[in-house]
């Protein structure tokens, strides 16, 4: 058992990825933690007030440890302070330098994990004093800093960092996948796409169905959906808006087909906020737009996703598969 799992009493080496804008909400994350894993809330892009509400919600659903993922390019004033005030057990920081926050988190007994795209970034995070690193492979869905396969990144990072916990992320859907990552030296895995296909994920059912139907060759690695998070690579399911852009010669931002067109709305409380073309926003439950115009984040693990399950049931299945593969 690694140091993070020992401190937080995590029994199973499975983390649910903190998919942003609330995709990984309290119900999903609590189900993972209650099954012995580590559920990570996806609160990137949320203000501190709704963040606090979700953190208190998960505490009403589980007495187990959980994490909070913060997307640093979308960081708002008060987000870190809310995590400190709520005494969350663990913070995951993605797409930025974690070093300004480590000392203050540790003073409060909060663990800090940095999600990294390569061994060099992981090494810098380790030198800054993080408690662990999540390393991505290019197979991952959603926003991806990696440029190499997960196997290579994990093997190299484990060798470089020694005893520091390394959590593998990208292209993992089954217990056999988890077993392979652990045999490479990973301390645990972080799974995103597989948990999109759960009943608790806070996204539209049609999006979940597309993840189940997709194969890895249906996904593309691109920077197309950049409104709200520019110049950040991501993996999505190919759809009509991608095909139209590709047919137009893959022009740069500002010159793409139907640039600055409103494709739908996102309900926020009593208000409906317009969604522009090429928005970073995924098909959340409050999303009212054609999925052919949306960012359908999905990793290569879709090859081995055949159903939509309650997260707790999925966890039990993964645990059985892991035991069989070990």
C-alpha atoms as a PDB file:
ATOM      1  CA  UNK A   1       0.000   0.000   0.000  1.00  0.00           C
ATOM      2  CA  UNK A   2       1.391   3.426  -0.922  1.00  0.00           C
ATOM      3  CA  UNK A   3       1.739   6.386   1.439  1.00  0.00           C
ATOM      4  CA  UNK A   4      -1.340   8.202   0.147  1.00  0.00           C
ATOM      5  CA  UNK A   5      -3.535   5.141   0.553  1.00  0.00           C
ATOM      6  CA  UNK A   6      -2.119   4.456   4.019  1.00  0.00           C
ATOM      7  CA  UNK A   7      -2.859   7.966   5.240  1.00  0.00           C
ATOM      8  CA  UNK A   8      -6.351   8.099   3.715  1.00  0.00           C
ATOM      9  CA  UNK A   9      -7.224   4.433   4.361  1.00  0.00           C
ATOM     10  CA  UNK A  10      -7.875   3.737   0.683  1.00  0.00           C
ATOM     11  CA  UNK A  11      -8.174  -0.017   0.179  1.00  0.00           C
ATOM     12  CA  UNK A  12      -8.395  -0.371  -3.600  1.00  0.00           C
ATOM     13  CA  UNK A  13      -5.931   1.122  -6.144  1.00  0.00           C
ATOM     14  CA  UNK A  14      -8.670   2.761  -8.200  1.00  0.00           C
ATOM     15  CA  UNK A  15      -9.298   6.511  -8.395  1.00  0.00           C
ATOM     16  CA  UNK A  16     -12.086   8.102 -10.380  1.00  0.00           C
ATOM     17  CA  UNK A  17     -10.743  11.064 -12.329  1.00  0.00           C
ATOM     18  CA  UNK A  18     -11.956  14.490 -11.253  1.00  0.00           C
ATOM     19  CA  UNK A  19     -13.690  15.366 -14.508  1.00  0.00           C
ATOM     20  CA  UNK A  20     -14.358  19.091 -14.501  1.00  0.00           C
ATOM     21  CA  UNK A  21     -17.440  21.277 -14.333  1.00  0.00           C
ATOM     22  CA  UNK A  22     -19.059  18.754 -12.022  1.00  0.00           C
ATOM     23  CA  UNK A  23     -19.031  15.721 -14.349  1.00  0.00           C
ATOM     24  CA  UNK A  24     -17.540  13.837 -11.399  1.00  0.00           C
ATOM     25  CA  UNK A  25     -20.007  14.979  -8.773  1.00  0.00           C
ATOM     26  CA  UNK A  26     -20.733  13.967  -5.204  1.00  0.00           C
ATOM     27  CA  UNK A  27     -22.761  10.838  -6.026  1.00  0.00           C
ATOM     28  CA  UNK A  28     -20.141   9.365  -8.374  1.00  0.00           C
ATOM     29  CA  UNK A  29     -17.159  10.207  -6.193  1.00  0.00           C
ATOM     30  CA  UNK A  30     -18.826   8.957  -3.009  1.00  0.00           C
ATOM     31  CA  UNK A  31     -19.714   5.648  -4.662  1.00  0.00           C
ATOM     32  CA  UNK A  32     -16.070   5.104  -5.615  1.00  0.00           C
ATOM     33  CA  UNK A  33     -14.832   5.961  -2.130  1.00  0.00           C
ATOM     34  CA  UNK A  34     -17.486   3.816  -0.463  1.00  0.00           C
ATOM     35  CA  UNK A  35     -16.289   0.859  -2.546  1.00  0.00           C
ATOM     36  CA  UNK A  36     -12.744   1.270  -1.232  1.00  0.00           C
ATOM     37  CA  UNK A  37     -11.258   3.463  -3.958  1.00  0.00           C
ATOM     38  CA  UNK A  38     -10.669   7.209  -4.049  1.00  0.00           C
ATOM     39  CA  UNK A  39     -13.385   9.310  -5.614  1.00  0.00           C
ATOM     40  CA  UNK A  40     -12.163  12.663  -6.907  1.00  0.00           C
ATOM     41  CA  UNK A  41     -14.636  15.498  -7.345  1.00  0.00           C
ATOM     42  CA  UNK A  42     -14.371  17.360 -10.657  1.00  0.00           C
ATOM     43  CA  UNK A  43     -14.841  20.943  -9.527  1.00  0.00           C
ATOM     44  CA  UNK A  44     -12.619  22.661 -12.086  1.00  0.00           C
ATOM     45  CA  UNK A  45     -14.398  25.700 -13.505  1.00  0.00           C
ATOM     46  CA  UNK A  46     -16.724  26.024 -10.497  1.00  0.00           C
ATOM     47  CA  UNK A  47     -16.824  29.033  -8.207  1.00  0.00           C
ATOM     48  CA  UNK A  48     -15.973  28.638  -4.512  1.00  0.00           C
ATOM     49  CA  UNK A  49     -19.604  28.719  -3.334  1.00  0.00           C
ATOM     50  CA  UNK A  50     -20.867  25.794  -5.465  1.00  0.00           C
ATOM     51  CA  UNK A  51     -17.580  24.007  -4.759  1.00  0.00           C
ATOM     52  CA  UNK A  52     -18.283  24.178  -1.045  1.00  0.00           C
ATOM     53  CA  UNK A  53     -21.801  22.865  -1.574  1.00  0.00           C
ATOM     54  CA  UNK A  54     -20.553  19.827  -3.512  1.00  0.00           C
ATOM     55  CA  UNK A  55     -17.863  19.099  -0.917  1.00  0.00           C
ATOM     56  CA  UNK A  56     -20.454  19.181   1.857  1.00  0.00           C
ATOM     57  CA  UNK A  57     -22.728  17.004  -0.279  1.00  0.00           C
ATOM     58  CA  UNK A  58     -20.122  14.255  -0.626  1.00  0.00           C
ATOM     59  CA  UNK A  59     -19.519  14.340   3.117  1.00  0.00           C
ATOM     60  CA  UNK A  60     -23.192  13.535   3.542  1.00  0.00           C
ATOM     61  CA  UNK A  61     -22.758  10.487   1.295  1.00  0.00           C
ATOM     62  CA  UNK A  62     -19.530   8.971   2.612  1.00  0.00           C
ATOM     63  CA  UNK A  63     -17.294   8.965   5.655  1.00  0.00           C
ATOM     64  CA  UNK A  64     -14.400   7.824   3.456  1.00  0.00           C
ATOM     65  CA  UNK A  65     -11.620   9.950   2.010  1.00  0.00           C
ATOM     66  CA  UNK A  66     -12.055  11.757  -1.308  1.00  0.00           C
ATOM     67  CA  UNK A  67     -10.200  14.249  -3.463  1.00  0.00           C
ATOM     68  CA  UNK A  68     -10.928  17.508  -5.262  1.00  0.00           C
ATOM     69  CA  UNK A  69      -9.518  18.241  -8.715  1.00  0.00           C
ATOM     70  CA  UNK A  70      -8.755  21.855  -9.601  1.00  0.00           C
ATOM     71  CA  UNK A  71      -7.940  22.811 -13.199  1.00  0.00           C
ATOM     72  CA  UNK A  72      -5.333  25.514 -12.821  1.00  0.00           C
ATOM     73  CA  UNK A  73      -5.996  27.488 -16.046  1.00  0.00           C
ATOM     74  CA  UNK A  74      -9.613  27.814 -14.845  1.00  0.00           C
ATOM     75  CA  UNK A  75      -8.718  28.529 -11.217  1.00  0.00           C
ATOM     76  CA  UNK A  76     -10.867  31.175  -9.563  1.00  0.00           C
ATOM     77  CA  UNK A  77     -10.231  33.222  -6.458  1.00  0.00           C
ATOM     78  CA  UNK A  78     -11.359  31.294  -3.419  1.00  0.00           C
ATOM     79  CA  UNK A  79     -11.180  27.769  -4.841  1.00  0.00           C
ATOM     80  CA  UNK A  80      -8.061  26.712  -2.954  1.00  0.00           C
ATOM     81  CA  UNK A  81      -9.268  28.519   0.164  1.00  0.00           C
ATOM     82  CA  UNK A  82     -12.563  26.620  -0.009  1.00  0.00           C
ATOM     83  CA  UNK A  83     -10.657  23.328  -0.110  1.00  0.00           C
ATOM     84  CA  UNK A  84      -8.638  24.480   2.897  1.00  0.00           C
ATOM     85  CA  UNK A  85     -11.716  25.654   4.811  1.00  0.00           C
ATOM     86  CA  UNK A  86     -13.541  22.385   4.088  1.00  0.00           C
ATOM     87  CA  UNK A  87     -10.442  20.372   5.050  1.00  0.00           C
ATOM     88  CA  UNK A  88     -10.655  18.137   1.998  1.00  0.00           C
ATOM     89  CA  UNK A  89      -8.370  15.107   2.342  1.00  0.00           C
ATOM     90  CA  UNK A  90      -6.580  15.517  -1.000  1.00  0.00           C
ATOM     91  CA  UNK A  91      -6.248  18.103  -3.774  1.00  0.00           C
ATOM     92  CA  UNK A  92      -5.321  17.237  -7.353  1.00  0.00           C
ATOM     93  CA  UNK A  93      -3.833  20.141  -9.328  1.00  0.00           C
ATOM     94  CA  UNK A  94      -3.856  19.842 -13.118  1.00  0.00           C
ATOM     95  CA  UNK A  95      -2.190  21.803 -15.897  1.00  0.00           C
ATOM     96  CA  UNK A  96       0.049  24.078 -13.864  1.00  0.00           C
ATOM     97  CA  UNK A  97       2.678  24.500 -11.167  1.00  0.00           C
ATOM     98  CA  UNK A  98       1.521  23.075  -7.811  1.00  0.00           C
ATOM     99  CA  UNK A  99       4.391  24.529  -5.789  1.00  0.00           C
ATOM    100  CA  UNK A 100       2.643  27.701  -4.473  1.00  0.00           C
ATOM    101  CA  UNK A 101      -0.007  25.602  -2.698  1.00  0.00           C
ATOM    102  CA  UNK A 102       1.863  22.648  -1.232  1.00  0.00           C
ATOM    103  CA  UNK A 103       3.158  24.209   1.984  1.00  0.00           C
ATOM    104  CA  UNK A 104      -0.204  25.705   2.990  1.00  0.00           C
ATOM    105  CA  UNK A 105      -2.003  22.449   2.182  1.00  0.00           C
ATOM    106  CA  UNK A 106       0.431  20.399   4.247  1.00  0.00           C
ATOM    107  CA  UNK A 107       0.004  22.777   7.195  1.00  0.00           C
ATOM    108  CA  UNK A 108      -3.652  21.744   7.190  1.00  0.00           C
ATOM    109  CA  UNK A 109      -2.950  18.044   6.763  1.00  0.00           C
ATOM    110  CA  UNK A 110      -4.131  18.061   3.138  1.00  0.00           C
ATOM    111  CA  UNK A 111      -2.316  15.928   0.571  1.00  0.00           C
ATOM    112  CA  UNK A 112      -1.407  17.404  -2.822  1.00  0.00           C
ATOM    113  CA  UNK A 113      -1.143  15.411  -6.050  1.00  0.00           C
ATOM    114  CA  UNK A 114      -0.033  16.908  -9.362  1.00  0.00           C
ATOM    115  CA  UNK A 115      -1.401  15.544 -12.636  1.00  0.00           C
ATOM    116  CA  UNK A 116       1.403  15.552 -15.196  1.00  0.00           C
ATOM    117  CA  UNK A 117       1.959  14.851 -18.858  1.00  0.00           C
ATOM    118  CA  UNK A 118       5.494  13.515 -18.743  1.00  0.00           C
ATOM    119  CA  UNK A 119       8.319  12.418 -16.468  1.00  0.00           C
ATOM    120  CA  UNK A 120       9.986  15.820 -16.546  1.00  0.00           C
ATOM    121  CA  UNK A 121       6.885  17.563 -15.192  1.00  0.00           C
ATOM    122  CA  UNK A 122       6.400  14.805 -12.615  1.00  0.00           C
ATOM    123  CA  UNK A 123       9.996  15.226 -11.457  1.00  0.00           C
ATOM    124  CA  UNK A 124       9.535  18.974 -10.983  1.00  0.00           C
ATOM    125  CA  UNK A 125       6.364  18.327  -8.984  1.00  0.00           C
ATOM    126  CA  UNK A 126       8.161  15.767  -6.822  1.00  0.00           C
ATOM    127  CA  UNK A 127      10.977  18.218  -6.140  1.00  0.00           C
ATOM    128  CA  UNK A 128       8.370  20.802  -5.103  1.00  0.00           C
ATOM    129  CA  UNK A 129       7.075  18.393  -2.453  1.00  0.00           C
ATOM    130  CA  UNK A 130       3.863  16.862  -3.777  1.00  0.00           C
ATOM    131  CA  UNK A 131       2.611  13.675  -2.149  1.00  0.00           C
ATOM    132  CA  UNK A 132       2.151  11.884  -5.458  1.00  0.00           C
ATOM    133  CA  UNK A 133       1.742  12.369  -9.193  1.00  0.00           C
ATOM    134  CA  UNK A 134      -0.845  11.281 -11.732  1.00  0.00           C
ATOM    135  CA  UNK A 135       0.810  10.639 -15.091  1.00  0.00           C
ATOM    136  CA  UNK A 136      -1.188  10.583 -18.296  1.00  0.00           C
ATOM    137  CA  UNK A 137      -0.709   8.640 -21.461  1.00  0.00           C
ATOM    138  CA  UNK A 138      -1.763  10.003 -24.819  1.00  0.00           C
ATOM    139  CA  UNK A 139      -4.592   7.417 -24.817  1.00  0.00           C
ATOM    140  CA  UNK A 140      -6.467   9.485 -22.208  1.00  0.00           C
ATOM    141  CA  UNK A 141      -9.732  11.261 -22.909  1.00  0.00           C
ATOM    142  CA  UNK A 142     -10.486  14.841 -22.001  1.00  0.00           C
ATOM    143  CA  UNK A 143      -7.639  17.315 -21.726  1.00  0.00           C
ATOM    144  CA  UNK A 144      -4.285  15.638 -22.205  1.00  0.00           C
ATOM    145  CA  UNK A 145      -0.773  16.967 -21.661  1.00  0.00           C
ATOM    146  CA  UNK A 146       0.844  13.664 -22.610  1.00  0.00           C
ATOM    147  CA  UNK A 147       2.429  12.995 -25.991  1.00  0.00           C
ATOM    148  CA  UNK A 148       3.533   9.388 -25.382  1.00  0.00           C
ATOM    149  CA  UNK A 149       1.838   6.066 -24.547  1.00  0.00           C
ATOM    150  CA  UNK A 150       0.986   5.453 -20.897  1.00  0.00           C
ATOM    151  CA  UNK A 151       3.236   2.387 -20.614  1.00  0.00           C
ATOM    152  CA  UNK A 152       6.308   4.442 -21.474  1.00  0.00           C
ATOM    153  CA  UNK A 153       5.445   7.356 -19.198  1.00  0.00           C
ATOM    154  CA  UNK A 154       4.636   5.167 -16.187  1.00  0.00           C
ATOM    155  CA  UNK A 155       7.715   2.986 -16.526  1.00  0.00           C
ATOM    156  CA  UNK A 156      10.021   5.995 -16.870  1.00  0.00           C
ATOM    157  CA  UNK A 157       8.379   8.022 -14.081  1.00  0.00           C
ATOM    158  CA  UNK A 158       8.392   5.157 -11.579  1.00  0.00           C
ATOM    159  CA  UNK A 159      12.093   4.624 -12.252  1.00  0.00           C
ATOM    160  CA  UNK A 160      12.820   8.332 -11.801  1.00  0.00           C
ATOM    161  CA  UNK A 161      10.735   9.011  -8.683  1.00  0.00           C
ATOM    162  CA  UNK A 162      11.371   5.879  -6.644  1.00  0.00           C
ATOM    163  CA  UNK A 163       8.993   5.596  -3.694  1.00  0.00           C
ATOM    164  CA  UNK A 164       6.742   8.564  -4.561  1.00  0.00           C
ATOM    165  CA  UNK A 165       3.271   7.262  -5.516  1.00  0.00           C
ATOM    166  CA  UNK A 166       2.688   7.314  -9.271  1.00  0.00           C
ATOM    167  CA  UNK A 167      -0.929   6.999 -10.417  1.00  0.00           C
ATOM    168  CA  UNK A 168      -1.469   5.904 -14.028  1.00  0.00           C
ATOM    169  CA  UNK A 169      -4.152   7.498 -16.209  1.00  0.00           C
ATOM    170  CA  UNK A 170      -5.170   6.947 -19.809  1.00  0.00           C
ATOM    171  CA  UNK A 171      -6.778   4.060 -21.669  1.00  0.00           C
ATOM    172  CA  UNK A 172      -7.766   2.103 -18.547  1.00  0.00           C
ATOM    173  CA  UNK A 173     -11.191   0.441 -18.437  1.00  0.00           C
ATOM    174  CA  UNK A 174     -10.895  -3.043 -16.927  1.00  0.00           C
ATOM    175  CA  UNK A 175      -9.302  -4.912 -14.067  1.00  0.00           C
ATOM    176  CA  UNK A 176      -6.802  -6.374 -16.526  1.00  0.00           C
ATOM    177  CA  UNK A 177      -5.814  -2.842 -17.552  1.00  0.00           C
ATOM    178  CA  UNK A 178      -5.365  -1.915 -13.895  1.00  0.00           C
ATOM    179  CA  UNK A 179      -3.243  -5.003 -13.283  1.00  0.00           C
ATOM    180  CA  UNK A 180      -0.928  -4.099 -16.169  1.00  0.00           C
ATOM    181  CA  UNK A 181      -0.435  -0.582 -14.793  1.00  0.00           C
ATOM    182  CA  UNK A 182       0.345  -1.888 -11.311  1.00  0.00           C
ATOM    183  CA  UNK A 183       2.867  -4.360 -12.720  1.00  0.00           C
ATOM    184  CA  UNK A 184       4.657  -1.402 -14.321  1.00  0.00           C
ATOM    185  CA  UNK A 185       5.090   0.040 -10.837  1.00  0.00           C
ATOM    186  CA  UNK A 186       2.092   2.356 -10.623  1.00  0.00           C
ATOM    187  CA  UNK A 187       0.598   2.701  -7.139  1.00  0.00           C
ATOM    188  CA  UNK A 188      -2.941   3.102  -8.473  1.00  0.00           C
ATOM    189  CA  UNK A 189      -4.887   4.119 -11.558  1.00  0.00           C
ATOM    190  CA  UNK A 190      -7.083   7.117 -12.288  1.00  0.00           C
ATOM    191  CA  UNK A 191      -9.994   6.356 -14.624  1.00  0.00           C
ATOM    192  CA  UNK A 192     -12.089   8.968 -16.396  1.00  0.00           C
ATOM    193  CA  UNK A 193     -13.833   7.684 -19.513  1.00  0.00           C
ATOM    194  CA  UNK A 194     -14.980   4.465 -17.821  1.00  0.00           C
ATOM    195  CA  UNK A 195     -16.697   6.523 -15.127  1.00  0.00           C
ATOM    196  CA  UNK A 196     -18.419   8.713 -17.715  1.00  0.00           C
ATOM    197  CA  UNK A 197     -20.348   5.526 -18.516  1.00  0.00           C
ATOM    198  CA  UNK A 198     -21.920   5.304 -15.052  1.00  0.00           C
ATOM    199  CA  UNK A 199     -25.389   6.246 -13.935  1.00  0.00           C
ATOM    200  CA  UNK A 200     -24.012   8.870 -11.537  1.00  0.00           C
ATOM    201  CA  UNK A 201     -21.889  10.828 -14.053  1.00  0.00           C
ATOM    202  CA  UNK A 202     -23.436  14.278 -14.432  1.00  0.00           C
ATOM    203  CA  UNK A 203     -23.695  14.216 -18.221  1.00  0.00           C
ATOM    204  CA  UNK A 204     -26.429  13.493 -20.738  1.00  0.00           C
ATOM    205  CA  UNK A 205     -27.400   9.879 -21.365  1.00  0.00           C
ATOM    206  CA  UNK A 206     -26.838  10.361 -25.100  1.00  0.00           C
ATOM    207  CA  UNK A 207     -23.208  11.260 -24.403  1.00  0.00           C
ATOM    208  CA  UNK A 208     -22.779   8.155 -22.243  1.00  0.00           C
ATOM    209  CA  UNK A 209     -24.275   6.055 -25.039  1.00  0.00           C
ATOM    210  CA  UNK A 210     -21.779   7.499 -27.510  1.00  0.00           C
ATOM    211  CA  UNK A 211     -18.902   6.539 -25.232  1.00  0.00           C
ATOM    212  CA  UNK A 212     -20.207   2.959 -25.066  1.00  0.00           C
ATOM    213  CA  UNK A 213     -20.640   2.817 -28.852  1.00  0.00           C
ATOM    214  CA  UNK A 214     -17.266   4.384 -29.695  1.00  0.00           C
ATOM    215  CA  UNK A 215     -14.015   2.646 -30.569  1.00  0.00           C
ATOM    216  CA  UNK A 216     -10.576   4.144 -30.134  1.00  0.00           C
ATOM    217  CA  UNK A 217     -10.306   4.869 -33.861  1.00  0.00           C
ATOM    218  CA  UNK A 218     -13.405   7.071 -33.497  1.00  0.00           C
ATOM    219  CA  UNK A 219     -11.486   9.420 -31.194  1.00  0.00           C
ATOM    220  CA  UNK A 220      -9.230  12.283 -32.261  1.00  0.00           C
ATOM    221  CA  UNK A 221      -6.455  14.187 -30.503  1.00  0.00           C
ATOM    222  CA  UNK A 222      -7.014  17.873 -31.181  1.00  0.00           C
ATOM    223  CA  UNK A 223      -7.151  21.443 -29.878  1.00  0.00           C
ATOM    224  CA  UNK A 224     -10.441  22.180 -31.638  1.00  0.00           C
ATOM    225  CA  UNK A 225     -12.694  22.800 -28.626  1.00  0.00           C
ATOM    226  CA  UNK A 226     -10.781  25.764 -27.268  1.00  0.00           C
ATOM    227  CA  UNK A 227     -13.366  28.358 -26.239  1.00  0.00           C
ATOM    228  CA  UNK A 228     -12.892  28.584 -22.485  1.00  0.00           C
ATOM    229  CA  UNK A 229      -9.511  26.852 -22.466  1.00  0.00           C
ATOM    230  CA  UNK A 230      -7.297  27.843 -25.413  1.00  0.00           C
ATOM    231  CA  UNK A 231      -4.320  25.912 -26.758  1.00  0.00           C
ATOM    232  CA  UNK A 232      -4.988  22.796 -24.675  1.00  0.00           C
ATOM    233  CA  UNK A 233      -4.927  19.408 -26.393  1.00  0.00           C
ATOM    234  CA  UNK A 234      -7.784  16.990 -25.771  1.00  0.00           C
ATOM    235  CA  UNK A 235      -9.170  13.685 -26.999  1.00  0.00           C
ATOM    236  CA  UNK A 236     -12.801  13.574 -28.148  1.00  0.00           C
ATOM    237  CA  UNK A 237     -15.129  11.426 -30.232  1.00  0.00           C
ATOM    238  CA  UNK A 238     -15.151  12.563 -33.846  1.00  0.00           C
ATOM    239  CA  UNK A 239     -18.479  14.200 -34.742  1.00  0.00           C
ATOM    240  CA  UNK A 240     -19.931  16.529 -37.368  1.00  0.00           C
ATOM    241  CA  UNK A 241     -18.322  19.734 -36.123  1.00  0.00           C
ATOM    242  CA  UNK A 242     -14.908  18.040 -36.250  1.00  0.00           C
ATOM    243  CA  UNK A 243     -15.581  16.622 -39.721  1.00  0.00           C
ATOM    244  CA  UNK A 244     -16.702  20.047 -41.016  1.00  0.00           C
ATOM    245  CA  UNK A 245     -13.577  21.691 -39.607  1.00  0.00           C
ATOM    246  CA  UNK A 246     -11.361  18.993 -41.113  1.00  0.00           C
ATOM    247  CA  UNK A 247     -13.118  19.290 -44.487  1.00  0.00           C
ATOM    248  CA  UNK A 248     -12.447  23.040 -44.415  1.00  0.00           C
ATOM    249  CA  UNK A 249      -8.724  22.336 -44.171  1.00  0.00           C
ATOM    250  CA  UNK A 250      -8.406  22.404 -40.367  1.00  0.00           C
ATOM    251  CA  UNK A 251      -8.168  26.218 -40.187  1.00  0.00           C
ATOM    252  CA  UNK A 252      -6.915  27.948 -37.027  1.00  0.00           C
ATOM    253  CA  UNK A 253      -9.115  29.460 -34.349  1.00  0.00           C
ATOM    254  CA  UNK A 254     -10.852  32.539 -35.704  1.00  0.00           C
ATOM    255  CA  UNK A 255     -11.161  31.117 -39.220  1.00  0.00           C
ATOM    256  CA  UNK A 256     -13.174  27.956 -38.559  1.00  0.00           C
ATOM    257  CA  UNK A 257     -16.634  27.159 -39.947  1.00  0.00           C
ATOM    258  CA  UNK A 258     -19.455  28.758 -37.941  1.00  0.00           C
ATOM    259  CA  UNK A 259     -17.064  30.599 -35.642  1.00  0.00           C
ATOM    260  CA  UNK A 260     -18.786  32.548 -32.816  1.00  0.00           C
ATOM    261  CA  UNK A 261     -22.169  30.920 -33.447  1.00  0.00           C
ATOM    262  CA  UNK A 262     -24.391  30.061 -30.473  1.00  0.00           C
ATOM    263  CA  UNK A 263     -24.914  26.285 -30.553  1.00  0.00           C
ATOM    264  CA  UNK A 264     -27.206  26.022 -27.514  1.00  0.00           C
ATOM    265  CA  UNK A 265     -27.502  26.867 -23.850  1.00  0.00           C
ATOM    266  CA  UNK A 266     -26.330  25.669 -20.468  1.00  0.00           C
ATOM    267  CA  UNK A 267     -28.745  26.099 -17.586  1.00  0.00           C
ATOM    268  CA  UNK A 268     -27.111  27.694 -14.532  1.00  0.00           C
ATOM    269  CA  UNK A 269     -29.696  28.056 -11.799  1.00  0.00           C
ATOM    270  CA  UNK A 270     -32.508  30.195 -13.177  1.00  0.00           C
ATOM    271  CA  UNK A 271     -30.460  31.431 -16.118  1.00  0.00           C
ATOM    272  CA  UNK A 272     -29.625  29.914 -19.492  1.00  0.00           C
ATOM    273  CA  UNK A 273     -26.099  30.768 -20.614  1.00  0.00           C
ATOM    274  CA  UNK A 274     -25.330  30.755 -24.337  1.00  0.00           C
ATOM    275  CA  UNK A 275     -22.837  28.141 -25.512  1.00  0.00           C
ATOM    276  CA  UNK A 276     -20.545  29.283 -28.340  1.00  0.00           C
ATOM    277  CA  UNK A 277     -19.285  27.016 -31.092  1.00  0.00           C
ATOM    278  CA  UNK A 278     -16.128  25.117 -30.130  1.00  0.00           C
ATOM    279  CA  UNK A 279     -16.925  25.468 -26.435  1.00  0.00           C
ATOM    280  CA  UNK A 280     -14.856  23.487 -23.952  1.00  0.00           C
ATOM    281  CA  UNK A 281     -18.050  22.615 -22.043  1.00  0.00           C
ATOM    282  CA  UNK A 282     -19.043  18.921 -22.263  1.00  0.00           C
ATOM    283  CA  UNK A 283     -22.666  17.720 -22.472  1.00  0.00           C
ATOM    284  CA  UNK A 284     -23.573  18.251 -18.825  1.00  0.00           C
ATOM    285  CA  UNK A 285     -27.079  17.461 -17.598  1.00  0.00           C
ATOM    286  CA  UNK A 286     -28.028  21.120 -18.103  1.00  0.00           C
ATOM    287  CA  UNK A 287     -26.616  21.151 -21.656  1.00  0.00           C
ATOM    288  CA  UNK A 288     -29.150  21.959 -24.392  1.00  0.00           C
ATOM    289  CA  UNK A 289     -27.435  21.656 -27.763  1.00  0.00           C
ATOM    290  CA  UNK A 290     -26.790  19.226 -30.601  1.00  0.00           C
ATOM    291  CA  UNK A 291     -24.154  16.675 -29.553  1.00  0.00           C
ATOM    292  CA  UNK A 292     -22.783  16.888 -33.092  1.00  0.00           C
ATOM    293  CA  UNK A 293     -21.525  20.354 -32.077  1.00  0.00           C
ATOM    294  CA  UNK A 294     -20.192  19.337 -28.653  1.00  0.00           C
ATOM    295  CA  UNK A 295     -16.898  18.224 -27.163  1.00  0.00           C
ATOM    296  CA  UNK A 296     -17.467  14.514 -26.508  1.00  0.00           C
ATOM    297  CA  UNK A 297     -14.428  13.773 -24.355  1.00  0.00           C
ATOM    298  CA  UNK A 298     -13.437  10.117 -24.589  1.00  0.00           C
ATOM    299  CA  UNK A 299     -10.265   8.055 -24.307  1.00  0.00           C
ATOM    300  CA  UNK A 300      -9.043   4.872 -25.951  1.00  0.00           C
ATOM    301  CA  UNK A 301     -10.546   2.876 -23.088  1.00  0.00           C
ATOM    302  CA  UNK A 302     -13.878   3.081 -24.932  1.00  0.00           C
ATOM    303  CA  UNK A 303     -12.726  -0.058 -26.782  1.00  0.00           C
ATOM    304  CA  UNK A 304     -13.491  -2.011 -23.609  1.00  0.00           C
ATOM    305  CA  UNK A 305     -16.588  -0.165 -22.359  1.00  0.00           C
ATOM    306  CA  UNK A 306     -19.765  -2.056 -23.162  1.00  0.00           C
ATOM    307  CA  UNK A 307     -22.325  -0.810 -20.660  1.00  0.00           C
ATOM    308  CA  UNK A 308     -23.463   1.942 -18.314  1.00  0.00           C
ATOM    309  CA  UNK A 309     -23.392   0.809 -14.688  1.00  0.00           C
ATOM    310  CA  UNK A 310     -23.904   2.301 -11.239  1.00  0.00           C
ATOM    311  CA  UNK A 311     -20.468   3.360 -10.030  1.00  0.00           C
ATOM    312  CA  UNK A 312     -20.559   1.062  -7.009  1.00  0.00           C
ATOM    313  CA  UNK A 313     -21.410  -1.921  -9.193  1.00  0.00           C
ATOM    314  CA  UNK A 314     -18.645  -0.969 -11.612  1.00  0.00           C
ATOM    315  CA  UNK A 315     -16.170  -0.800  -8.738  1.00  0.00           C
ATOM    316  CA  UNK A 316     -17.077  -4.316  -7.608  1.00  0.00           C
ATOM    317  CA  UNK A 317     -16.661  -5.563 -11.181  1.00  0.00           C
ATOM    318  CA  UNK A 318     -13.242  -3.896 -11.477  1.00  0.00           C
ATOM    319  CA  UNK A 319     -12.133  -5.371  -8.150  1.00  0.00           C
ATOM    320  CA  UNK A 320     -13.155  -8.875  -9.269  1.00  0.00           C
ATOM    321  CA  UNK A 321     -11.380  -8.437 -12.596  1.00  0.00           C
ATOM    322  CA  UNK A 322      -8.253  -7.111 -10.896  1.00  0.00           C
ATOM    323  CA  UNK A 323      -8.102 -10.107  -8.562  1.00  0.00           C
ATOM    324  CA  UNK A 324      -8.515 -12.467 -11.504  1.00  0.00           C
ATOM    325  CA  UNK A 325      -5.744 -10.725 -13.458  1.00  0.00           C
ATOM    326  CA  UNK A 326      -3.253 -10.490 -10.591  1.00  0.00           C
END
